[in-house]
Amino acid sequence: MAIIGNSTPPVTLTAASETLTGIINAYGTLAAGETLAPGGGYGTFILKGAVVGFPPTNFNIINDGLIESNGPSSLDLGLLLGAASTVTNAGTISAGTGIAIIGTQAGSYIRNTGLIQGRNGGGGLYVDGFSSVNNTGRIEGGSYGVYLNAGGNLRNTGTILATSGIAATFGQNAIYNAGLIEGASTIGIYLSGDVTNAAGGYIRGNQAGIFAISTSSYKNPTTITNHGLINSGTAGICLAAGDTIINTGTINGGAFGVTSGSTPVFATSAEIFNQATGRITSPDTGLALFGVSTVSNAGYIEGGVGQLFHIASPVPAIYDSSHDGVYLHAGNLINTGTIKGGAAGVYLGAFGHLTNSSFIEAANTGIVLNQYSDVMNAGLVGGGLTGAVARGDQSFLANAGTIAGGQYGLRASAGAQIHN
């Protein structure tokens, strides 16, 4: 069936397959108590849709025209469906929320080559059940761009944008991005699952480019494979427990390139593999890892470069996770690449372990060791003030390479073990 021409009242779909090629510009009200979701889960909301399809029909919608709702609320919808459906949009769907597919039934598929737009603080695309989205066009909203409530699969070679919220938010899912995903005010991607950011792909969020979640509902670790650019005003990537990063591209954040947990109290473990072409950078701290983590660096990591911190005490006691190339609370760091920092190139908390066969430098101190941490150095370590500081009982440094500083090669406290 084709609906062609202008329509002022809302359109209620009756056939399972509908082709919309004209202009539908209106919004109509579902009465409170009338539900789209099985079990009545949405009966308390007064939802409005320019085009409405009721359950249990699984619709197949093709839109080549304009579907528009001019209502003032984010609950004024362009396309509102009550069961898992297929939507192919090559036209424009614009409303408070562009498309909403309500109900827990899995299997929806949305293919967009046009524009899906949410206005009035609403979202671009919302789907309740596990679903798949293929976007080569533009999906944009206020509070979110794409929201897959039960998770799903997203392939984006176009643009997904949220002006005030999260660009793409999911349960357990897989995301492939070769386009732009941007959360202009908050987060680019908020998920539990796997993300592949291809060469040329750009993921950006003001607070985080990617924020991996771990909750009672979503416990599976996240794997992020980046060949493109991930950028944020705060943290390029925030990791949860057991997450993994494989990076051959660039990850940058205003406060952290990558962080797992914000303090040792909220620590989470992580594995990071920064390969030869990979760059992880921040004007503050490149890697800030507060759990028991594993880092393999063959590329470039930088944090706080150019910021010099003058330390007057004989054995510095005020180093922290700020302005370091790598801050490793506990775990293992193997460096065959380059690490640069401001306060410290590498800061090791208790039970941190470093094996270096390449290059580490900082404006202040190349390496800082704490109690029970150890360093095996066969490379070059340099500091504008001090090459290395070993403090605390049973810190251990074995040097078969070069450790140099502008004032001190090495400063050690009682109890530190040095083998040169």
Protein backbone atom coordinates (compact mmCIF):
# COMPACT_ATOMS: atom_id res chain seq x y z
CA MET A 1 0.00 0.00 0.00
CA ALA A 2 1.25 3.48 -0.80
CA ILE A 3 0.23 6.64 1.03
CA ILE A 4 0.84 9.45 -1.41
CA GLY A 5 0.20 13.15 -0.93
CA ASN A 6 -0.52 15.23 2.14
CA SER A 7 -2.09 13.91 5.32
CA THR A 8 -3.20 16.10 8.21
CA PRO A 9 -4.68 13.53 10.63
CA PRO A 10 -2.32 10.84 11.95
CA VAL A 11 -1.99 7.73 9.82
CA THR A 12 -2.81 4.38 11.42
CA LEU A 13 -1.16 1.51 9.60
CA THR A 14 -3.39 -1.43 8.72
CA ALA A 15 -1.36 -3.54 6.28
CA ALA A 16 1.85 -5.26 7.32
CA SER A 17 3.75 -3.70 4.39
CA GLU A 18 3.45 0.04 3.79
CA THR A 19 5.29 2.33 1.37
CA LEU A 20 5.15 6.01 2.31
CA THR A 21 6.10 8.37 -0.49
CA GLY A 22 4.27 11.58 0.25
CA ILE A 23 4.08 14.10 3.09
CA ILE A 24 2.60 13.14 6.44
CA ASN A 25 2.61 16.16 8.72
CA ALA A 26 0.54 15.75 11.84
CA TYR A 27 0.37 14.23 15.26
CA GLY A 28 -2.37 12.27 16.95
CA THR A 29 -2.89 11.09 20.50
CA LEU A 30 -3.16 7.59 21.93
CA ALA A 31 -5.38 7.82 24.96
CA ALA A 32 -3.87 7.12 28.36
CA GLY A 33 -4.45 3.43 29.05
CA GLU A 34 -4.22 2.47 25.38
CA THR A 35 -0.96 0.61 24.99
CA LEU A 36 1.49 -0.28 22.30
CA ALA A 37 3.63 -2.60 24.41
CA PRO A 38 2.57 -6.11 25.45
CA GLY A 39 1.70 -6.07 29.13
CA GLY A 40 0.67 -2.44 29.06
CA GLY A 41 4.08 -1.06 29.89
CA TYR A 42 3.47 2.21 28.08
CA GLY A 43 -0.14 2.77 29.03
CA THR A 44 0.75 5.54 31.45
CA PHE A 45 2.19 7.70 28.68
CA ILE A 46 0.21 9.75 26.23
CA LEU A 47 2.13 9.00 23.06
CA LYS A 48 1.59 10.81 19.79
CA GLY A 49 2.64 9.67 16.36
CA ALA A 50 2.27 10.98 12.84
CA VAL A 51 2.31 7.32 11.71
CA VAL A 52 1.20 4.62 14.19
CA GLY A 53 1.27 0.82 13.89
CA PHE A 54 -0.32 -1.32 16.60
CA PRO A 55 0.85 -4.71 17.87
CA PRO A 56 0.99 -7.58 17.26
CA THR A 57 1.67 -6.78 13.59
CA ASN A 58 5.33 -6.87 12.51
CA PHE A 59 5.44 -4.06 9.99
CA ASN A 60 7.64 -3.54 6.94
CA ILE A 61 7.81 0.21 6.37
CA ILE A 62 9.49 1.95 3.41
CA ASN A 63 9.63 5.74 3.60
CA ASP A 64 10.78 7.81 0.64
CA GLY A 65 8.91 10.94 1.63
CA LEU A 66 8.46 13.14 4.70
CA ILE A 67 7.00 12.02 8.00
CA GLU A 68 6.81 14.92 10.42
CA SER A 69 5.22 15.63 13.78
CA ASN A 70 5.13 19.23 14.87
CA GLY A 71 4.09 18.50 18.46
CA PRO A 72 5.91 20.31 21.26
CA SER A 73 7.08 17.26 23.24
CA SER A 74 9.71 14.52 22.91
CA LEU A 75 6.72 12.12 23.15
CA ASP A 76 5.47 13.44 19.81
CA LEU A 77 6.76 10.77 17.46
CA GLY A 78 7.27 10.56 13.72
CA LEU A 79 6.88 6.77 13.43
CA LEU A 80 5.50 4.76 16.35
CA LEU A 81 5.35 0.95 16.11
CA GLY A 82 4.21 -1.57 18.71
CA ALA A 83 6.11 -4.72 17.67
CA ALA A 84 9.38 -5.70 16.05
CA SER A 85 9.43 -4.26 12.54
CA THR A 86 11.58 -3.45 9.52
CA VAL A 87 11.96 0.21 8.60
CA THR A 88 13.77 1.43 5.48
CA ASN A 89 14.10 5.19 5.38
CA ALA A 90 15.44 7.08 2.38
CA GLY A 91 13.42 10.17 3.15
CA THR A 92 12.99 12.29 6.28
CA ILE A 93 11.40 11.37 9.60
CA SER A 94 11.39 14.35 11.95
CA ALA A 95 9.59 14.74 15.28
CA GLY A 96 10.11 15.09 19.02
CA THR A 97 11.44 11.54 18.71
CA GLY A 98 11.99 10.36 15.16
CA ILE A 99 11.22 6.61 15.43
CA ALA A 100 10.17 4.49 18.41
CA ILE A 101 9.61 0.74 18.22
CA ILE A 102 8.03 -0.30 21.53
CA GLY A 103 7.86 -3.75 23.12
CA THR A 104 10.41 -6.37 24.08
CA GLN A 105 10.09 -8.45 20.89
CA ALA A 106 13.50 -8.88 19.23
CA GLY A 107 14.25 -8.69 15.53
CA SER A 108 13.69 -5.09 14.40
CA TYR A 109 15.85 -3.90 11.52
CA ILE A 110 16.28 -0.23 10.63
CA ARG A 111 18.13 0.87 7.50
CA ASN A 112 18.59 4.60 7.10
CA THR A 113 20.00 6.39 4.07
CA GLY A 114 18.06 9.58 4.75
CA LEU A 115 17.41 11.68 7.87
CA ILE A 116 15.94 10.53 11.18
CA GLN A 117 15.64 13.50 13.50
CA GLY A 118 14.54 14.00 17.09
CA ARG A 119 13.67 17.50 18.26
CA ASN A 120 12.45 19.07 21.53
CA GLY A 121 15.09 17.20 23.54
CA GLY A 122 13.96 13.81 22.24
CA GLY A 123 15.94 11.13 20.44
CA GLY A 124 16.51 10.07 16.88
CA LEU A 125 15.80 6.32 17.08
CA TYR A 126 14.56 4.25 20.03
CA VAL A 127 14.06 0.46 19.91
CA ASP A 128 13.01 -1.64 22.92
CA GLY A 129 13.89 -5.14 21.71
CA PHE A 130 17.24 -6.49 20.49
CA SER A 131 17.65 -5.04 17.01
CA SER A 132 19.96 -4.10 14.14
CA VAL A 133 20.62 -0.68 12.64
CA ASN A 134 22.46 0.14 9.41
CA ASN A 135 23.00 3.87 9.00
CA THR A 136 24.55 5.49 5.94
CA GLY A 137 22.55 8.69 6.37
CA ARG A 138 22.05 10.93 9.40
CA ILE A 139 20.42 10.13 12.74
CA GLU A 140 20.28 12.95 15.26
CA GLY A 141 18.54 13.83 18.49
CA GLY A 142 18.80 15.82 21.68
CA SER A 143 19.00 13.30 24.53
CA TYR A 144 20.25 10.49 22.26
CA GLY A 145 20.92 9.64 18.63
CA VAL A 146 20.34 5.86 18.71
CA TYR A 147 19.04 4.02 21.78
CA LEU A 148 18.86 0.22 21.55
CA ASN A 149 17.39 -0.59 24.95
CA ALA A 150 18.04 -4.36 24.86
CA GLY A 151 21.17 -4.08 22.74
CA GLY A 152 21.78 -5.07 19.17
CA ASN A 153 24.06 -4.37 16.24
CA LEU A 154 24.88 -0.98 14.78
CA ARG A 155 26.77 -0.37 11.55
CA ASN A 156 27.42 3.31 10.93
CA THR A 157 29.08 4.84 7.90
CA GLY A 158 27.06 8.02 8.16
CA THR A 159 26.47 10.41 11.08
CA ILE A 160 24.91 9.80 14.49
CA LEU A 161 24.65 12.88 16.69
CA ALA A 162 23.20 13.83 20.07
CA THR A 163 23.30 17.51 20.93
CA SER A 164 22.63 17.23 24.69
CA GLY A 165 22.95 13.52 25.50
CA ILE A 166 24.54 10.24 24.38
CA ALA A 167 24.94 9.65 20.67
CA ALA A 168 24.61 5.84 20.80
CA THR A 169 23.51 3.90 23.88
CA PHE A 170 23.02 0.14 24.08
CA GLY A 171 22.78 -2.95 26.18
CA GLN A 172 24.88 -5.88 24.99
CA ASN A 173 25.81 -5.14 21.41
CA ALA A 174 28.32 -4.77 18.61
CA ILE A 175 29.13 -1.50 16.88
CA TYR A 176 31.05 -0.90 13.66
CA ASN A 177 31.79 2.72 12.87
CA ALA A 178 33.40 4.17 9.78
CA GLY A 179 31.54 7.47 10.00
CA LEU A 180 30.90 10.00 12.79
CA ILE A 181 29.35 9.25 16.19
CA GLU A 182 29.26 12.33 18.42
CA GLY A 183 27.77 13.18 21.80
CA ALA A 184 28.29 16.92 21.68
CA SER A 185 27.64 17.48 25.40
CA THR A 186 28.17 14.08 27.04
CA ILE A 187 29.20 10.67 25.61
CA GLY A 188 29.74 9.34 22.11
CA ILE A 189 29.03 5.63 22.80
CA TYR A 190 27.73 4.15 26.07
CA LEU A 191 27.68 0.38 25.92
CA SER A 192 28.53 -3.12 27.02
CA GLY A 193 29.81 -5.07 24.03
CA ASP A 194 32.27 -4.65 21.19
CA VAL A 195 33.23 -1.55 19.23
CA THR A 196 35.26 -1.42 16.03
CA ASN A 197 36.19 2.08 14.91
CA ALA A 198 37.55 1.75 11.39
CA ALA A 199 40.24 3.88 9.75
CA GLY A 200 38.51 7.17 9.00
CA GLY A 201 35.95 6.60 11.75
CA TYR A 202 35.51 9.32 14.37
CA ILE A 203 33.93 8.85 17.80
CA ARG A 204 33.66 11.90 20.02
CA GLY A 205 32.00 12.87 23.30
CA ASN A 206 32.51 15.90 25.50
CA GLN A 207 32.74 13.74 28.65
CA ALA A 208 33.87 10.47 27.05
CA GLY A 209 34.32 9.18 23.52
CA ILE A 210 33.40 5.65 24.64
CA PHE A 211 32.09 4.74 28.10
CA ALA A 212 32.03 0.99 28.74
CA ILE A 213 29.51 -0.16 31.34
CA SER A 214 29.44 -3.14 33.68
CA THR A 215 26.23 -3.65 35.65
CA SER A 216 24.18 -6.54 37.02
CA SER A 217 22.35 -6.63 33.67
CA TYR A 218 25.39 -6.19 31.42
CA LYS A 219 28.41 -8.07 32.76
CA ASN A 220 30.20 -9.08 29.58
CA PRO A 221 33.54 -7.31 29.01
CA THR A 222 33.88 -4.76 26.25
CA THR A 223 36.49 -5.00 23.48
CA ILE A 224 37.34 -1.79 21.66
CA THR A 225 39.34 -2.03 18.44
CA ASN A 226 40.35 1.40 17.18
CA HIS A 227 41.90 2.16 13.80
CA GLY A 228 40.50 5.69 13.59
CA LEU A 229 40.09 8.61 16.01
CA ILE A 230 38.45 8.61 19.44
CA ASN A 231 38.42 12.01 21.13
CA SER A 232 36.91 13.68 24.20
CA GLY A 233 37.18 16.84 26.25
CA THR A 234 37.55 14.63 29.34
CA ALA A 235 38.30 10.92 28.75
CA GLY A 236 38.85 9.35 25.35
CA ILE A 237 37.76 5.93 26.69
CA CYS A 238 36.44 4.95 30.13
CA LEU A 239 36.77 1.21 30.79
CA ALA A 240 34.88 -1.15 33.07
CA ALA A 241 35.99 -4.46 34.59
CA GLY A 242 37.80 -6.82 32.24
CA ASP A 243 37.65 -4.58 29.18
CA THR A 244 40.20 -4.62 26.35
CA ILE A 245 41.54 -1.99 23.95
CA ILE A 246 43.43 -2.80 20.75
CA ASN A 247 44.63 0.47 19.25
CA THR A 248 46.34 1.26 15.96
CA GLY A 249 44.76 4.70 15.64
CA THR A 250 44.53 7.74 17.95
CA ILE A 251 42.82 8.05 21.34
CA ASN A 252 42.82 11.47 22.98
CA GLY A 253 41.19 13.00 26.05
CA GLY A 254 41.41 16.34 27.82
CA ALA A 255 42.00 14.70 31.24
CA PHE A 256 42.74 11.07 30.28
CA GLY A 257 43.46 9.33 27.03
CA VAL A 258 42.19 6.11 28.62
CA THR A 259 41.05 5.51 32.20
CA SER A 260 39.73 2.53 34.14
CA GLY A 261 38.00 3.65 37.32
CA SER A 262 38.44 7.15 38.74
CA THR A 263 40.24 6.17 41.96
CA PRO A 264 41.60 2.94 43.47
CA VAL A 265 38.32 2.66 45.40
CA PHE A 266 36.43 2.30 42.11
CA ALA A 267 39.21 0.38 40.40
CA THR A 268 38.58 -1.86 37.43
CA SER A 269 40.94 -4.12 35.53
CA ALA A 270 41.81 -3.61 31.88
CA GLU A 271 44.01 -4.86 29.05
CA ILE A 272 45.47 -2.36 26.61
CA PHE A 273 47.44 -3.21 23.48
CA ASN A 274 48.78 -0.05 21.86
CA GLN A 275 50.35 -1.18 18.62
CA ALA A 276 53.17 0.42 16.62
CA THR A 277 50.97 3.01 14.89
CA GLY A 278 48.81 3.63 17.94
CA ARG A 279 48.75 6.95 19.82
CA ILE A 280 47.16 7.54 23.24
CA THR A 281 47.51 11.15 24.37
CA SER A 282 46.24 13.74 26.84
CA PRO A 283 47.41 17.12 28.12
CA ASP A 284 46.95 15.56 31.59
CA THR A 285 47.45 11.75 31.78
CA GLY A 286 47.76 9.39 28.84
CA LEU A 287 46.75 6.18 30.66
CA ALA A 288 45.26 6.28 34.18
CA LEU A 289 44.63 2.68 35.26
CA PHE A 290 43.44 2.21 38.83
CA GLY A 291 42.88 -1.55 38.82
CA VAL A 292 45.16 -4.51 38.20
CA SER A 293 45.80 -3.93 34.50
CA THR A 294 48.00 -5.13 31.67
CA VAL A 295 49.50 -2.72 29.14
CA SER A 296 51.57 -3.58 26.08
CA ASN A 297 52.86 -0.48 24.32
CA ALA A 298 54.64 -0.60 20.97
CA GLY A 299 53.34 2.80 19.93
CA TYR A 300 53.23 6.26 21.52
CA ILE A 301 51.70 7.30 24.86
CA GLU A 302 51.84 10.88 26.11
CA GLY A 303 50.49 12.73 29.14
CA GLY A 304 51.20 16.24 30.42
CA VAL A 305 54.23 16.78 28.22
CA GLY A 306 55.85 20.18 28.70
CA GLN A 307 54.57 20.58 32.27
CA LEU A 308 57.47 20.71 34.73
CA PHE A 309 56.86 19.98 38.41
CA HIS A 310 59.57 21.11 40.84
CA ILE A 311 59.97 18.74 43.77
CA ALA A 312 62.01 19.95 46.74
CA SER A 313 61.82 16.97 49.10
CA PRO A 314 64.75 14.48 49.05
CA VAL A 315 62.45 11.65 47.96
CA PRO A 316 59.36 13.06 46.27
CA ALA A 317 56.10 12.20 48.01
CA ILE A 318 53.54 14.17 46.04
CA TYR A 319 53.43 12.34 42.74
CA ASP A 320 49.95 11.19 41.76
CA SER A 321 47.97 10.26 38.65
CA SER A 322 48.17 13.77 37.14
CA HIS A 323 50.36 14.67 34.18
CA ASP A 324 51.86 11.22 33.75
CA GLY A 325 52.39 9.30 30.56
CA VAL A 326 51.15 6.13 32.29
CA TYR A 327 49.73 5.83 35.79
CA LEU A 328 49.55 2.10 36.67
CA HIS A 329 48.10 1.39 40.10
CA ALA A 330 48.92 -2.33 39.85
CA GLY A 331 49.67 -4.80 37.08
CA ASN A 332 52.12 -5.10 34.21
CA LEU A 333 53.44 -2.63 31.64
CA ILE A 334 55.66 -3.81 28.79
CA ASN A 335 57.06 -0.93 26.77
CA THR A 336 58.73 -1.39 23.38
CA GLY A 337 57.55 2.00 22.13
CA THR A 338 57.65 5.57 23.48
CA ILE A 339 56.11 6.97 26.68
CA LYS A 340 56.34 10.66 27.57
CA GLY A 341 54.98 12.52 30.61
CA GLY A 342 55.10 15.78 32.52
CA ALA A 343 55.36 14.75 36.18
CA ALA A 344 56.35 11.16 35.42
CA GLY A 345 56.78 9.14 32.27
CA VAL A 346 55.56 6.05 34.16
CA TYR A 347 54.17 6.08 37.69
CA LEU A 348 53.92 2.64 39.34
CA GLY A 349 51.66 2.15 42.34
CA ALA A 350 52.12 -0.75 44.74
CA PHE A 351 52.54 -4.00 42.82
CA GLY A 352 53.11 -2.24 39.52
CA HIS A 353 55.61 -3.93 37.20
CA LEU A 354 57.45 -2.33 34.27
CA THR A 355 59.63 -3.94 31.62
CA ASN A 356 61.19 -1.32 29.34
CA SER A 357 63.33 -1.99 26.29
CA SER A 358 62.69 1.30 24.53
CA PHE A 359 62.15 4.95 25.54
CA ILE A 360 60.53 6.66 28.54
CA GLU A 361 60.96 10.35 29.40
CA ALA A 362 59.33 13.12 31.41
CA ALA A 363 59.80 16.80 32.14
CA ASN A 364 60.24 15.85 35.79
CA THR A 365 60.95 12.16 36.52
CA GLY A 366 61.19 9.33 34.02
CA ILE A 367 59.93 6.54 36.33
CA VAL A 368 58.45 6.58 39.83
CA LEU A 369 58.38 3.30 41.81
CA ASN A 370 56.41 2.73 44.99
CA GLN A 371 56.44 -0.02 47.59
CA TYR A 372 56.52 -3.52 46.08
CA SER A 373 56.71 -2.18 42.52
CA ASP A 374 59.57 -3.18 40.23
CA VAL A 375 61.29 -2.08 37.03
CA MET A 376 63.41 -4.07 34.58
CA ASN A 377 65.07 -1.52 32.28
CA ALA A 378 67.10 -2.34 29.18
CA GLY A 379 66.17 0.84 27.35
CA LEU A 380 66.51 4.59 27.86
CA VAL A 381 64.82 6.42 30.74
CA GLY A 382 65.20 10.19 31.06
CA GLY A 383 63.89 12.94 33.33
CA GLY A 384 64.34 16.70 33.19
CA LEU A 385 65.08 16.59 36.93
CA THR A 386 65.43 12.91 37.88
CA GLY A 387 65.79 9.75 35.85
CA ALA A 388 64.07 7.47 38.36
CA VAL A 389 62.71 7.68 41.91
CA ALA A 390 62.46 4.48 43.99
CA ARG A 391 60.58 5.02 47.22
CA GLY A 392 59.03 2.74 49.76
CA ASP A 393 60.15 -0.56 51.20
CA GLN A 394 60.94 -3.33 48.69
CA SER A 395 60.65 -1.27 45.53
CA PHE A 396 63.04 -2.89 43.04
CA LEU A 397 64.93 -1.53 40.03
CA ALA A 398 67.25 -3.56 37.81
CA ASN A 399 68.99 -1.51 35.13
CA ALA A 400 70.79 -2.89 32.08
CA GLY A 401 70.15 0.24 30.00
CA THR A 402 70.45 3.99 30.63
CA ILE A 403 68.71 6.09 33.30
CA ALA A 404 69.53 9.81 33.15
CA GLY A 405 68.27 12.99 34.78
CA GLY A 406 69.01 16.71 34.57
CA GLN A 407 69.95 16.78 38.28
CA TYR A 408 69.78 13.16 39.48
CA GLY A 409 70.05 9.90 37.67
CA LEU A 410 68.41 8.01 40.56
CA ARG A 411 66.91 8.94 43.92
CA ALA A 412 66.06 6.10 46.30
CA SER A 413 64.66 5.81 49.81
CA ALA A 414 65.69 3.32 52.48
CA GLY A 415 64.46 -0.16 51.65
CA ALA A 416 64.62 0.27 47.90
CA GLN A 417 66.65 -2.36 46.04
CA ILE A 418 68.80 -1.14 43.15
CA HIS A 419 70.76 -3.39 40.76
CA ASN A 420 72.79 -1.61 38.09
